[in-house]
Amino acid sequence: MVTSPASRVPDRLPFEWLGGRLCLDFVNTVSWGGVERRNERLQSYGDLIRWAREAGLLTPTAAARLTRAAEAAPARAARALADAHALREALHQVFAARAAGRAPPSDAAATLNRFLGRALGRLRLRAAADGCSWTFPEESDEPDRVLWPVAWSAAELLTSDDAGAIRMCAGERCGWLFLDRSRNRSRRWCDMRVCGNAAKVRRFYARRKAVSEAARQSEGSAEPRGSPPAEG
C-alpha cells in the first residue's frame, strides 16, 4: 500500500552508540556545539523510551508498560522528559570539564548528585549462582526509571580509571563525548566518517581559498607596465 506524504511518519534521527559508556551515549542524543541545541533525538517521552529500549535498558514488556503509563499520566511523562534533558545537560558539563582537566560546575555536579540519589534508592543487589550484580527493578512504572541506570553509569565512569580517557569531539558544532581507547590517546573525532571527514573538507576549502586570495592580492599589487619612453 502506498501512503500519502501527509500520512507518513516523520523520519527520526537514529541513535548513535559511539561513546563507549551508557552515560556518554545518553549525552550524545543532541548536538552540543554553540548555544543552539541541534539534532534533538529526545523530543518526546516516546523517544526516551525508544532510546532506553535500544540501549538494552528496557524489555519490550517494560517499554510497553511505561508507554501505557505515560498515556495515562502525560504530565508525569512530560516531567520525566524534562528531567532527562536536565540530567543530560548536567552530564555534558561534568564530562566536558573532566575532559578539559577542570573541576565541573558546582550546579552541574549537584544536579548529577540529585539524580544519583534517586538511582541509589532503587539499586538492588541481584544474587545468582555465578555471582552478584547491581540491577534496578524491572517492574517499576515510574516514568523516570530509565534515568536511574544513566546516573549510575556516570558515577561509575567518573570514579574509574577510564575517567581520564573521556574526550570531546573536535568537530565544529558537535560536542559529542567518547572514551579514547586509541593506542596513543590521540583520537579527536566521535566518528572519523562524519566529523573527521567534515574537518578535512573544511581544511581543503580553506587552503584553496587562501591560495586564491594570495594570488588575487599578488596580481593587485603588481606595478602596471607603462609604455616605453620615446626616443629623443
N, C-alpha and C. Protein backbone atom coordinates (compact mmCIF):
# COMPACT_ATOMS: atom_id res chain seq x y z
N MET A 1 0.84 -1.19 0.00
CA MET A 1 0.00 0.00 0.00
C MET A 1 0.88 1.24 0.00
N VAL A 2 0.56 2.20 -0.86
CA VAL A 2 1.32 3.44 -0.93
C VAL A 2 0.65 4.47 -0.04
N THR A 3 1.42 5.08 0.82
CA THR A 3 0.88 6.08 1.73
C THR A 3 1.10 7.46 1.16
N SER A 4 0.18 8.35 1.49
CA SER A 4 0.32 9.73 1.04
C SER A 4 1.36 10.43 1.89
N PRO A 5 1.99 11.50 1.38
CA PRO A 5 3.00 12.22 2.17
C PRO A 5 2.48 12.67 3.52
N ALA A 6 1.22 13.05 3.59
CA ALA A 6 0.67 13.57 4.85
C ALA A 6 0.55 12.48 5.90
N SER A 7 0.44 11.21 5.44
CA SER A 7 0.24 10.13 6.40
C SER A 7 1.53 9.45 6.81
N ARG A 8 2.65 9.83 6.20
CA ARG A 8 3.91 9.20 6.56
C ARG A 8 4.41 9.66 7.91
N VAL A 9 5.03 8.75 8.65
CA VAL A 9 5.62 9.10 9.94
C VAL A 9 6.93 9.83 9.70
N PRO A 10 7.14 11.00 10.31
CA PRO A 10 8.40 11.74 10.07
C PRO A 10 9.61 10.89 10.45
N ASP A 11 10.65 10.99 9.64
CA ASP A 11 11.86 10.24 9.92
C ASP A 11 12.48 10.72 11.22
N ARG A 12 12.93 9.78 12.04
CA ARG A 12 13.61 10.12 13.28
C ARG A 12 15.11 9.98 13.06
N LEU A 13 15.86 10.84 13.71
CA LEU A 13 17.31 10.70 13.68
C LEU A 13 17.68 9.44 14.44
N PRO A 14 18.56 8.63 13.91
CA PRO A 14 18.93 7.40 14.62
C PRO A 14 19.79 7.71 15.83
N PHE A 15 19.69 6.88 16.83
CA PHE A 15 20.57 6.99 17.98
C PHE A 15 21.93 6.42 17.61
N GLU A 16 22.97 7.04 18.14
CA GLU A 16 24.34 6.60 17.87
C GLU A 16 24.94 6.02 19.14
N TRP A 17 25.81 5.05 18.97
CA TRP A 17 26.40 4.34 20.10
C TRP A 17 27.92 4.38 19.97
N LEU A 18 28.47 5.58 20.05
CA LEU A 18 29.89 5.81 19.82
C LEU A 18 30.65 6.16 21.10
N GLY A 19 29.93 6.39 22.18
CA GLY A 19 30.56 6.92 23.39
C GLY A 19 31.44 5.95 24.14
N GLY A 20 31.05 4.69 24.15
CA GLY A 20 31.81 3.70 24.91
C GLY A 20 31.25 3.43 26.29
N ARG A 21 30.33 4.23 26.74
CA ARG A 21 29.62 4.02 28.00
C ARG A 21 28.18 4.49 27.83
N LEU A 22 27.27 3.89 28.59
CA LEU A 22 25.85 4.23 28.51
C LEU A 22 25.62 5.72 28.72
N CYS A 23 26.25 6.29 29.75
CA CYS A 23 26.02 7.70 30.08
C CYS A 23 26.50 8.62 28.96
N LEU A 24 27.59 8.27 28.28
CA LEU A 24 28.09 9.09 27.19
C LEU A 24 27.16 9.01 25.98
N ASP A 25 26.65 7.82 25.70
CA ASP A 25 25.70 7.69 24.61
C ASP A 25 24.43 8.48 24.89
N PHE A 26 24.04 8.56 26.15
CA PHE A 26 22.86 9.34 26.52
C PHE A 26 23.12 10.83 26.26
N VAL A 27 24.29 11.32 26.63
CA VAL A 27 24.63 12.71 26.38
C VAL A 27 24.64 12.99 24.87
N ASN A 28 25.01 12.01 24.08
CA ASN A 28 25.14 12.20 22.64
C ASN A 28 23.82 12.06 21.89
N THR A 29 22.72 12.39 22.54
CA THR A 29 21.42 12.38 21.87
C THR A 29 21.05 13.77 21.37
N VAL A 30 22.00 14.69 21.38
CA VAL A 30 21.80 16.04 20.85
C VAL A 30 23.17 16.59 20.48
N SER A 31 23.22 17.56 19.57
CA SER A 31 24.49 18.21 19.23
C SER A 31 24.72 19.37 20.16
N TRP A 32 25.98 19.54 20.62
CA TRP A 32 26.28 20.49 21.68
C TRP A 32 27.05 21.72 21.21
N GLY A 33 27.40 21.82 19.97
CA GLY A 33 28.20 22.96 19.52
C GLY A 33 27.43 24.26 19.60
N GLY A 34 28.02 25.27 20.24
CA GLY A 34 27.38 26.58 20.35
C GLY A 34 26.23 26.56 21.35
N VAL A 35 25.47 27.63 21.34
CA VAL A 35 24.34 27.76 22.27
C VAL A 35 23.16 26.92 21.79
N GLU A 36 22.99 26.85 20.48
CA GLU A 36 21.85 26.13 19.91
C GLU A 36 22.02 24.62 20.10
N ARG A 37 20.92 23.97 20.49
CA ARG A 37 20.91 22.51 20.61
C ARG A 37 20.30 21.95 19.33
N ARG A 38 21.10 21.30 18.51
CA ARG A 38 20.64 20.80 17.23
C ARG A 38 20.49 19.28 17.25
N ASN A 39 19.75 18.79 16.28
CA ASN A 39 19.59 17.34 16.11
C ASN A 39 19.08 16.67 17.38
N GLU A 40 18.07 17.25 17.97
CA GLU A 40 17.49 16.71 19.20
C GLU A 40 16.82 15.37 18.92
N ARG A 41 17.29 14.33 19.60
CA ARG A 41 16.73 13.00 19.41
C ARG A 41 15.72 12.63 20.50
N LEU A 42 15.67 13.39 21.56
CA LEU A 42 14.72 13.13 22.64
C LEU A 42 13.68 14.24 22.66
N GLN A 43 12.82 14.23 21.67
CA GLN A 43 11.81 15.26 21.55
C GLN A 43 10.53 14.93 22.30
N SER A 44 10.35 13.69 22.65
CA SER A 44 9.15 13.25 23.35
C SER A 44 9.51 12.16 24.34
N TYR A 45 8.57 11.86 25.22
CA TYR A 45 8.81 10.77 26.17
C TYR A 45 8.92 9.44 25.42
N GLY A 46 8.18 9.32 24.31
CA GLY A 46 8.29 8.12 23.49
C GLY A 46 9.70 7.94 22.95
N ASP A 47 10.36 9.05 22.61
CA ASP A 47 11.75 8.96 22.14
C ASP A 47 12.66 8.45 23.27
N LEU A 48 12.39 8.90 24.48
CA LEU A 48 13.20 8.46 25.62
C LEU A 48 13.04 6.95 25.84
N ILE A 49 11.82 6.46 25.72
CA ILE A 49 11.58 5.02 25.84
C ILE A 49 12.29 4.28 24.71
N ARG A 50 12.21 4.83 23.49
CA ARG A 50 12.86 4.19 22.35
C ARG A 50 14.37 4.11 22.57
N TRP A 51 14.97 5.20 23.09
CA TRP A 51 16.41 5.18 23.37
C TRP A 51 16.74 4.10 24.40
N ALA A 52 15.96 4.05 25.48
CA ALA A 52 16.21 3.06 26.54
C ALA A 52 16.03 1.65 26.01
N ARG A 53 15.07 1.48 25.12
CA ARG A 53 14.86 0.15 24.53
C ARG A 53 16.07 -0.25 23.69
N GLU A 54 16.58 0.66 22.86
CA GLU A 54 17.73 0.35 22.01
C GLU A 54 19.00 0.18 22.84
N ALA A 55 19.07 0.86 23.98
CA ALA A 55 20.23 0.75 24.86
C ALA A 55 20.23 -0.54 25.67
N GLY A 56 19.14 -1.27 25.62
CA GLY A 56 19.03 -2.52 26.37
C GLY A 56 18.58 -2.33 27.81
N LEU A 57 18.04 -1.16 28.12
CA LEU A 57 17.60 -0.90 29.49
C LEU A 57 16.19 -1.39 29.76
N LEU A 58 15.40 -1.57 28.70
CA LEU A 58 14.01 -1.98 28.85
C LEU A 58 13.73 -3.19 27.98
N THR A 59 12.99 -4.12 28.52
CA THR A 59 12.47 -5.22 27.72
C THR A 59 11.26 -4.70 26.95
N PRO A 60 10.84 -5.39 25.90
CA PRO A 60 9.63 -4.96 25.18
C PRO A 60 8.43 -4.83 26.11
N THR A 61 8.31 -5.74 27.07
CA THR A 61 7.19 -5.69 28.01
C THR A 61 7.27 -4.45 28.88
N ALA A 62 8.46 -4.15 29.39
CA ALA A 62 8.63 -2.97 30.25
C ALA A 62 8.40 -1.69 29.46
N ALA A 63 8.86 -1.66 28.21
CA ALA A 63 8.66 -0.47 27.38
C ALA A 63 7.18 -0.24 27.11
N ALA A 64 6.45 -1.31 26.84
CA ALA A 64 5.01 -1.18 26.60
C ALA A 64 4.29 -0.72 27.86
N ARG A 65 4.74 -1.21 29.02
CA ARG A 65 4.12 -0.81 30.27
C ARG A 65 4.35 0.67 30.55
N LEU A 66 5.55 1.15 30.30
CA LEU A 66 5.84 2.57 30.50
C LEU A 66 5.07 3.44 29.51
N THR A 67 4.91 2.95 28.30
CA THR A 67 4.14 3.70 27.31
C THR A 67 2.70 3.86 27.75
N ARG A 68 2.11 2.79 28.25
CA ARG A 68 0.73 2.87 28.74
C ARG A 68 0.63 3.81 29.94
N ALA A 69 1.61 3.75 30.83
CA ALA A 69 1.60 4.63 32.00
C ALA A 69 1.72 6.09 31.57
N ALA A 70 2.54 6.36 30.54
CA ALA A 70 2.71 7.72 30.06
C ALA A 70 1.42 8.24 29.43
N GLU A 71 0.72 7.38 28.71
CA GLU A 71 -0.56 7.79 28.10
C GLU A 71 -1.61 8.07 29.17
N ALA A 72 -1.54 7.35 30.29
CA ALA A 72 -2.50 7.56 31.36
C ALA A 72 -2.16 8.79 32.20
N ALA A 73 -0.88 9.15 32.26
CA ALA A 73 -0.45 10.30 33.07
C ALA A 73 0.55 11.12 32.25
N PRO A 74 0.09 11.87 31.26
CA PRO A 74 1.01 12.61 30.38
C PRO A 74 1.82 13.67 31.10
N ALA A 75 1.28 14.24 32.16
CA ALA A 75 2.03 15.27 32.90
C ALA A 75 3.27 14.66 33.55
N ARG A 76 3.15 13.47 34.09
CA ARG A 76 4.30 12.79 34.69
C ARG A 76 5.34 12.44 33.63
N ALA A 77 4.87 12.02 32.47
CA ALA A 77 5.79 11.70 31.40
C ALA A 77 6.53 12.96 30.93
N ALA A 78 5.81 14.09 30.87
CA ALA A 78 6.45 15.34 30.46
C ALA A 78 7.51 15.76 31.46
N ARG A 79 7.25 15.56 32.74
CA ARG A 79 8.26 15.89 33.76
C ARG A 79 9.48 14.98 33.63
N ALA A 80 9.24 13.72 33.32
CA ALA A 80 10.37 12.79 33.15
C ALA A 80 11.23 13.19 31.96
N LEU A 81 10.60 13.66 30.89
CA LEU A 81 11.36 14.12 29.73
C LEU A 81 12.18 15.36 30.09
N ALA A 82 11.57 16.29 30.84
CA ALA A 82 12.30 17.48 31.29
C ALA A 82 13.47 17.08 32.18
N ASP A 83 13.26 16.08 33.03
CA ASP A 83 14.34 15.58 33.88
C ASP A 83 15.47 14.98 33.04
N ALA A 84 15.09 14.28 31.98
CA ALA A 84 16.10 13.69 31.10
C ALA A 84 16.96 14.77 30.47
N HIS A 85 16.34 15.85 30.03
CA HIS A 85 17.10 16.96 29.44
C HIS A 85 18.00 17.62 30.48
N ALA A 86 17.50 17.77 31.71
CA ALA A 86 18.29 18.40 32.77
C ALA A 86 19.49 17.53 33.13
N LEU A 87 19.27 16.22 33.24
CA LEU A 87 20.38 15.31 33.56
C LEU A 87 21.39 15.31 32.43
N ARG A 88 20.94 15.30 31.21
CA ARG A 88 21.84 15.29 30.06
C ARG A 88 22.70 16.56 30.04
N GLU A 89 22.09 17.71 30.31
CA GLU A 89 22.83 18.97 30.33
C GLU A 89 23.91 18.94 31.41
N ALA A 90 23.53 18.45 32.59
CA ALA A 90 24.50 18.39 33.69
C ALA A 90 25.63 17.43 33.38
N LEU A 91 25.31 16.29 32.81
CA LEU A 91 26.34 15.31 32.47
C LEU A 91 27.31 15.86 31.45
N HIS A 92 26.80 16.58 30.46
CA HIS A 92 27.69 17.15 29.46
C HIS A 92 28.66 18.13 30.10
N GLN A 93 28.18 18.96 31.00
CA GLN A 93 29.06 19.92 31.67
C GLN A 93 30.10 19.21 32.53
N VAL A 94 29.67 18.18 33.24
CA VAL A 94 30.60 17.45 34.11
C VAL A 94 31.66 16.74 33.28
N PHE A 95 31.24 16.03 32.23
CA PHE A 95 32.19 15.28 31.40
C PHE A 95 33.11 16.21 30.60
N ALA A 96 32.55 17.32 30.11
CA ALA A 96 33.37 18.27 29.35
C ALA A 96 34.46 18.85 30.24
N ALA A 97 34.11 19.14 31.48
CA ALA A 97 35.10 19.66 32.42
C ALA A 97 36.17 18.61 32.70
N ARG A 98 35.74 17.36 32.86
CA ARG A 98 36.71 16.29 33.13
C ARG A 98 37.64 16.11 31.93
N ALA A 99 37.10 16.21 30.72
CA ALA A 99 37.93 16.07 29.52
C ALA A 99 38.95 17.19 29.41
N ALA A 100 38.60 18.38 29.92
CA ALA A 100 39.49 19.53 29.85
C ALA A 100 40.39 19.66 31.08
N GLY A 101 40.25 18.73 32.02
CA GLY A 101 41.08 18.78 33.22
C GLY A 101 40.65 19.84 34.20
N ARG A 102 39.36 20.22 34.17
CA ARG A 102 38.86 21.24 35.07
C ARG A 102 37.85 20.62 36.04
N ALA A 103 37.61 21.33 37.14
CA ALA A 103 36.56 20.91 38.06
C ALA A 103 35.21 21.22 37.42
N PRO A 104 34.22 20.36 37.59
CA PRO A 104 32.92 20.61 36.97
C PRO A 104 32.20 21.74 37.68
N PRO A 105 31.28 22.43 36.99
CA PRO A 105 30.47 23.47 37.64
C PRO A 105 29.72 22.88 38.82
N SER A 106 29.63 23.63 39.90
CA SER A 106 29.01 23.10 41.12
C SER A 106 27.54 22.77 40.91
N ASP A 107 26.83 23.58 40.10
CA ASP A 107 25.41 23.29 39.89
C ASP A 107 25.21 22.02 39.07
N ALA A 108 26.11 21.76 38.12
CA ALA A 108 26.02 20.54 37.33
C ALA A 108 26.30 19.32 38.20
N ALA A 109 27.30 19.42 39.06
CA ALA A 109 27.61 18.31 39.97
C ALA A 109 26.45 18.07 40.92
N ALA A 110 25.82 19.14 41.38
CA ALA A 110 24.67 19.00 42.30
C ALA A 110 23.50 18.31 41.60
N THR A 111 23.28 18.65 40.34
CA THR A 111 22.20 18.00 39.59
C THR A 111 22.48 16.52 39.42
N LEU A 112 23.72 16.17 39.08
CA LEU A 112 24.07 14.76 38.95
C LEU A 112 23.87 14.04 40.27
N ASN A 113 24.28 14.64 41.37
CA ASN A 113 24.10 14.01 42.68
C ASN A 113 22.63 13.82 43.02
N ARG A 114 21.80 14.76 42.58
CA ARG A 114 20.36 14.62 42.85
C ARG A 114 19.79 13.41 42.12
N PHE A 115 20.15 13.25 40.86
CA PHE A 115 19.67 12.09 40.11
C PHE A 115 20.31 10.80 40.61
N LEU A 116 21.55 10.89 41.04
CA LEU A 116 22.22 9.71 41.57
C LEU A 116 21.56 9.25 42.86
N GLY A 117 21.10 10.20 43.68
CA GLY A 117 20.38 9.83 44.90
C GLY A 117 19.12 9.04 44.59
N ARG A 118 18.40 9.46 43.55
CA ARG A 118 17.21 8.71 43.16
C ARG A 118 17.60 7.29 42.73
N ALA A 119 18.67 7.20 41.95
CA ALA A 119 19.08 5.91 41.43
C ALA A 119 19.52 4.96 42.55
N LEU A 120 20.30 5.48 43.47
CA LEU A 120 20.81 4.63 44.55
C LEU A 120 19.68 4.11 45.43
N GLY A 121 18.59 4.88 45.53
CA GLY A 121 17.45 4.43 46.31
C GLY A 121 16.72 3.25 45.69
N ARG A 122 16.95 3.02 44.39
CA ARG A 122 16.29 1.91 43.69
C ARG A 122 17.25 0.78 43.35
N LEU A 123 18.52 0.98 43.56
CA LEU A 123 19.52 -0.02 43.20
C LEU A 123 19.38 -1.26 44.08
N ARG A 124 19.46 -2.41 43.45
CA ARG A 124 19.33 -3.68 44.16
C ARG A 124 20.49 -4.60 43.81
N LEU A 125 20.83 -5.47 44.74
CA LEU A 125 21.87 -6.48 44.51
C LEU A 125 21.19 -7.76 44.06
N ARG A 126 21.56 -8.22 42.89
CA ARG A 126 21.00 -9.46 42.37
C ARG A 126 22.01 -10.57 42.58
N ALA A 127 21.60 -11.60 43.33
CA ALA A 127 22.48 -12.74 43.63
C ALA A 127 22.11 -13.91 42.73
N ALA A 128 23.12 -14.50 42.13
CA ALA A 128 22.92 -15.66 41.26
C ALA A 128 24.02 -16.68 41.54
N ALA A 129 23.87 -17.85 40.94
CA ALA A 129 24.83 -18.92 41.19
C ALA A 129 26.23 -18.54 40.72
N ASP A 130 26.29 -17.72 39.67
CA ASP A 130 27.60 -17.35 39.12
C ASP A 130 28.13 -16.03 39.67
N GLY A 131 27.43 -15.45 40.65
CA GLY A 131 27.92 -14.22 41.26
C GLY A 131 26.81 -13.21 41.50
N CYS A 132 27.20 -12.02 41.87
CA CYS A 132 26.24 -10.96 42.18
C CYS A 132 26.45 -9.77 41.25
N SER A 133 25.40 -8.99 41.04
CA SER A 133 25.47 -7.80 40.20
C SER A 133 24.46 -6.78 40.67
N TRP A 134 24.71 -5.53 40.31
CA TRP A 134 23.78 -4.46 40.62
C TRP A 134 22.71 -4.39 39.54
N THR A 135 21.49 -4.10 39.94
CA THR A 135 20.40 -4.01 38.99
C THR A 135 19.33 -3.06 39.52
N PHE A 136 18.42 -2.71 38.65
CA PHE A 136 17.27 -1.89 39.02
C PHE A 136 16.00 -2.69 38.80
N PRO A 137 14.96 -2.43 39.59
CA PRO A 137 13.73 -3.22 39.46
C PRO A 137 13.10 -3.06 38.08
N GLU A 138 12.79 -4.17 37.44
CA GLU A 138 12.22 -4.13 36.09
C GLU A 138 10.72 -3.88 36.09
N GLU A 139 10.07 -4.08 37.22
CA GLU A 139 8.62 -3.96 37.26
C GLU A 139 8.14 -2.54 37.56
N SER A 140 9.06 -1.61 37.76
CA SER A 140 8.67 -0.25 38.12
C SER A 140 7.99 0.47 36.96
N ASP A 141 6.95 1.23 37.28
CA ASP A 141 6.25 2.05 36.29
C ASP A 141 6.59 3.52 36.44
N GLU A 142 7.59 3.85 37.25
CA GLU A 142 7.98 5.24 37.42
C GLU A 142 8.54 5.76 36.09
N PRO A 143 8.03 6.89 35.60
CA PRO A 143 8.42 7.35 34.26
C PRO A 143 9.89 7.71 34.12
N ASP A 144 10.55 8.04 35.23
CA ASP A 144 11.97 8.41 35.15
C ASP A 144 12.90 7.23 35.39
N ARG A 145 12.38 6.03 35.39
CA ARG A 145 13.20 4.85 35.73
C ARG A 145 14.35 4.65 34.74
N VAL A 146 14.20 5.10 33.50
CA VAL A 146 15.28 4.92 32.53
C VAL A 146 16.47 5.83 32.83
N LEU A 147 16.28 6.82 33.69
CA LEU A 147 17.38 7.73 34.04
C LEU A 147 18.24 7.16 35.17
N TRP A 148 17.72 6.21 35.94
CA TRP A 148 18.49 5.65 37.05
C TRP A 148 19.78 4.99 36.57
N PRO A 149 19.73 4.10 35.61
CA PRO A 149 21.00 3.48 35.16
C PRO A 149 21.93 4.48 34.48
N VAL A 150 21.39 5.56 33.92
CA VAL A 150 22.25 6.57 33.30
C VAL A 150 23.07 7.28 34.37
N ALA A 151 22.40 7.69 35.44
CA ALA A 151 23.11 8.36 36.54
C ALA A 151 24.12 7.42 37.19
N TRP A 152 23.76 6.15 37.34
CA TRP A 152 24.66 5.16 37.93
C TRP A 152 25.87 4.93 37.03
N SER A 153 25.63 4.88 35.72
CA SER A 153 26.73 4.72 34.75
C SER A 153 27.70 5.90 34.85
N ALA A 154 27.16 7.11 34.99
CA ALA A 154 28.01 8.29 35.09
C ALA A 154 28.87 8.24 36.34
N ALA A 155 28.28 7.84 37.46
CA ALA A 155 29.03 7.76 38.71
C ALA A 155 30.14 6.72 38.60
N GLU A 156 29.83 5.57 37.99
CA GLU A 156 30.85 4.53 37.81
C GLU A 156 32.00 5.03 36.93
N LEU A 157 31.66 5.72 35.84
CA LEU A 157 32.70 6.19 34.93
C LEU A 157 33.60 7.23 35.60
N LEU A 158 33.00 8.18 36.28
CA LEU A 158 33.76 9.28 36.87
C LEU A 158 34.68 8.81 37.99
N THR A 159 34.39 7.67 38.58
CA THR A 159 35.23 7.15 39.67
C THR A 159 36.11 6.00 39.22
N SER A 160 36.19 5.79 37.90
CA SER A 160 37.00 4.69 37.36
C SER A 160 38.26 5.23 36.70
N ASP A 161 39.16 4.31 36.33
CA ASP A 161 40.37 4.70 35.61
C ASP A 161 40.05 5.26 34.22
N ASP A 162 38.89 4.90 33.68
CA ASP A 162 38.51 5.38 32.35
C ASP A 162 38.16 6.87 32.34
N ALA A 163 38.01 7.48 33.50
CA ALA A 163 37.65 8.90 33.53
C ALA A 163 38.68 9.75 32.81
N GLY A 164 39.95 9.34 32.86
CA GLY A 164 40.99 10.08 32.19
C GLY A 164 40.98 9.94 30.68
N ALA A 165 40.13 9.03 30.16
CA ALA A 165 40.05 8.82 28.72
C ALA A 165 38.84 9.51 28.11
N ILE A 166 38.09 10.28 28.90
CA ILE A 166 36.93 10.99 28.37
C ILE A 166 37.42 12.10 27.45
N ARG A 167 36.86 12.16 26.26
CA ARG A 167 37.22 13.18 25.28
C ARG A 167 35.97 13.81 24.69
N MET A 168 36.14 15.04 24.18
CA MET A 168 35.07 15.71 23.45
C MET A 168 35.47 15.82 21.98
N CYS A 169 34.52 15.54 21.10
CA CYS A 169 34.80 15.59 19.67
C CYS A 169 35.25 16.99 19.27
N ALA A 170 36.26 17.05 18.42
CA ALA A 170 36.79 18.33 17.96
C ALA A 170 36.01 18.89 16.79
N GLY A 171 34.97 18.21 16.36
CA GLY A 171 34.18 18.69 15.24
C GLY A 171 33.41 19.95 15.57
N GLU A 172 33.29 20.83 14.59
CA GLU A 172 32.53 22.06 14.78
C GLU A 172 31.07 21.74 15.07
N ARG A 173 30.51 22.39 16.09
CA ARG A 173 29.10 22.26 16.43
C ARG A 173 28.70 20.81 16.71
N CYS A 174 29.61 20.04 17.30
CA CYS A 174 29.29 18.66 17.65
C CYS A 174 29.23 18.53 19.17
N GLY A 175 30.41 18.45 19.80
CA GLY A 175 30.44 18.37 21.26
C GLY A 175 30.13 17.01 21.83
N TRP A 176 30.06 15.96 20.97
CA TRP A 176 29.80 14.63 21.49
C TRP A 176 31.00 14.12 22.28
N LEU A 177 30.71 13.19 23.18
CA LEU A 177 31.72 12.67 24.09
C LEU A 177 32.00 11.19 23.79
N PHE A 178 33.22 10.77 24.11
CA PHE A 178 33.58 9.38 23.88
C PHE A 178 34.78 9.03 24.75
N LEU A 179 35.02 7.74 24.88
CA LEU A 179 36.21 7.25 25.57
C LEU A 179 37.30 7.00 24.52
N ASP A 180 38.44 7.62 24.71
CA ASP A 180 39.55 7.47 23.79
C ASP A 180 40.35 6.22 24.17
N ARG A 181 40.14 5.17 23.43
CA ARG A 181 40.85 3.91 23.67
C ARG A 181 41.93 3.67 22.62
N SER A 182 42.28 4.72 21.87
CA SER A 182 43.33 4.57 20.87
C SER A 182 44.66 4.32 21.56
N ARG A 183 45.61 3.76 20.82
CA ARG A 183 46.88 3.34 21.42
C ARG A 183 47.64 4.51 22.04
N ASN A 184 47.68 5.63 21.33
CA ASN A 184 48.44 6.78 21.85
C ASN A 184 47.54 7.91 22.36
N ARG A 185 46.27 7.58 22.61
CA ARG A 185 45.31 8.55 23.17
C ARG A 185 45.23 9.81 22.30
N SER A 186 45.11 9.61 20.98
CA SER A 186 45.10 10.74 20.06
C SER A 186 43.80 10.88 19.29
N ARG A 187 42.78 10.13 19.65
CA ARG A 187 41.51 10.21 18.93
C ARG A 187 40.89 11.59 19.12
N ARG A 188 40.44 12.21 18.03
CA ARG A 188 39.89 13.56 18.09
C ARG A 188 38.41 13.63 17.74
N TRP A 189 37.91 12.61 17.03
CA TRP A 189 36.56 12.70 16.49
C TRP A 189 35.66 11.63 17.09
N CYS A 190 34.39 11.98 17.24
CA CYS A 190 33.42 10.97 17.68
C CYS A 190 33.29 9.90 16.60
N ASP A 191 33.34 10.33 15.33
CA ASP A 191 33.27 9.41 14.19
C ASP A 191 34.07 10.02 13.06
N MET A 192 35.15 9.36 12.67
CA MET A 192 36.01 9.88 11.61
C MET A 192 35.24 10.04 10.31
N ARG A 193 34.25 9.18 10.06
CA ARG A 193 33.49 9.24 8.81
C ARG A 193 32.61 10.47 8.73
N VAL A 194 32.29 11.06 9.88
CA VAL A 194 31.39 12.22 9.90
C VAL A 194 32.17 13.49 10.23
N CYS A 195 32.48 13.68 11.49
CA CYS A 195 33.17 14.91 11.90
C CYS A 195 34.59 14.98 11.35
N GLY A 196 35.28 13.85 11.30
CA GLY A 196 36.64 13.86 10.80
C GLY A 196 36.71 14.24 9.34
N ASN A 197 35.85 13.63 8.52
CA ASN A 197 35.84 13.96 7.10
C ASN A 197 35.36 15.38 6.85
N ALA A 198 34.41 15.85 7.65
CA ALA A 198 33.93 17.22 7.51
C ALA A 198 35.06 18.21 7.77
N ALA A 199 35.89 17.90 8.77
CA ALA A 199 37.03 18.78 9.06
C ALA A 199 38.04 18.78 7.92
N LYS A 200 38.26 17.62 7.30
CA LYS A 200 39.17 17.54 6.14
C LYS A 200 38.66 18.42 5.00
N VAL A 201 37.36 18.35 4.76
CA VAL A 201 36.77 19.15 3.68
C VAL A 201 36.92 20.64 3.97
N ARG A 202 36.67 21.04 5.23
CA ARG A 202 36.81 22.46 5.58
C ARG A 202 38.25 22.92 5.41
N ARG A 203 39.22 22.08 5.81
CA ARG A 203 40.62 22.47 5.66
C ARG A 203 41.00 22.59 4.18
N PHE A 204 40.47 21.69 3.35
CA PHE A 204 40.77 21.73 1.92
C PHE A 204 40.28 23.04 1.31
N TYR A 205 39.02 23.40 1.59
CA TYR A 205 38.47 24.61 1.02
C TYR A 205 39.13 25.86 1.61
N ALA A 206 39.54 25.78 2.88
CA ALA A 206 40.23 26.92 3.48
C ALA A 206 41.58 27.15 2.81
N ARG A 207 42.30 26.05 2.52
CA ARG A 207 43.59 26.19 1.84
C ARG A 207 43.40 26.73 0.42
N ARG A 208 42.40 26.21 -0.27
CA ARG A 208 42.15 26.68 -1.64
C ARG A 208 41.76 28.16 -1.66
N LYS A 209 40.96 28.56 -0.67
CA LYS A 209 40.57 29.97 -0.58
C LYS A 209 41.77 30.85 -0.29
N ALA A 210 42.67 30.36 0.61
CA ALA A 210 43.86 31.14 0.95
C ALA A 210 44.77 31.31 -0.26
N VAL A 211 44.94 30.23 -1.04
CA VAL A 211 45.78 30.32 -2.23
C VAL A 211 45.17 31.29 -3.23
N SER A 212 43.86 31.21 -3.41
CA SER A 212 43.18 32.11 -4.35
C SER A 212 43.29 33.56 -3.91
N GLU A 213 43.13 33.80 -2.61
CA GLU A 213 43.23 35.16 -2.09
C GLU A 213 44.65 35.70 -2.25
N ALA A 214 45.64 34.85 -1.98
CA ALA A 214 47.03 35.29 -2.13
C ALA A 214 47.34 35.64 -3.58
N ALA A 215 46.82 34.84 -4.51
CA ALA A 215 47.06 35.11 -5.92
C ALA A 215 46.39 36.41 -6.34
N ARG A 216 45.17 36.63 -5.83
CA ARG A 216 44.45 37.87 -6.17
C ARG A 216 45.19 39.10 -5.66
N GLN A 217 45.68 39.01 -4.43
CA GLN A 217 46.42 40.14 -3.85
C GLN A 217 47.72 40.38 -4.60
N SER A 218 48.36 39.30 -5.03
CA SER A 218 49.61 39.43 -5.76
C SER A 218 49.39 40.13 -7.09
N GLU A 219 48.32 39.79 -7.75
CA GLU A 219 48.01 40.43 -9.03
C GLU A 219 47.66 41.90 -8.83
N GLY A 220 46.96 42.20 -7.74
CA GLY A 220 46.55 43.58 -7.50
C GLY A 220 47.70 44.48 -7.10
N SER A 221 48.73 43.90 -6.50
CA SER A 221 49.85 44.71 -6.03
C SER A 221 50.95 44.88 -7.07
N ALA A 222 50.86 44.12 -8.17
CA ALA A 222 51.90 44.22 -9.21
C ALA A 222 51.82 45.58 -9.89
N GLU A 223 52.99 46.23 -10.17
CA GLU A 223 53.01 47.55 -10.83
C GLU A 223 52.62 47.41 -12.29
N PRO A 224 51.75 48.30 -12.75
CA PRO A 224 51.36 48.22 -14.17
C PRO A 224 52.52 48.56 -15.08
N ARG A 225 52.59 47.88 -16.18
CA ARG A 225 53.68 48.12 -17.15
C ARG A 225 53.31 49.31 -18.01
N GLY A 226 54.16 50.35 -18.05
CA GLY A 226 53.88 51.52 -18.85
C GLY A 226 54.48 51.40 -20.25
N SER A 227 54.22 52.39 -21.07
CA SER A 227 54.79 52.40 -22.43
C SER A 227 56.25 52.78 -22.37
N PRO A 228 57.04 52.25 -23.24
CA PRO A 228 58.48 52.59 -23.24
C PRO A 228 58.68 54.07 -23.56
N PRO A 229 59.70 54.69 -23.00
CA PRO A 229 59.94 56.12 -23.24
C PRO A 229 60.25 56.38 -24.71
N ALA A 230 59.76 57.51 -25.19
CA ALA A 230 60.02 57.88 -26.60
C ALA A 230 61.47 58.26 -26.78
N GLU A 231 62.03 57.93 -27.96
CA GLU A 231 63.44 58.28 -28.23
C GLU A 231 63.55 59.76 -28.60
N GLY A 232 64.61 60.43 -28.11
CA GLY A 232 64.78 61.85 -28.39
C GLY A 232 65.48 62.11 -29.69
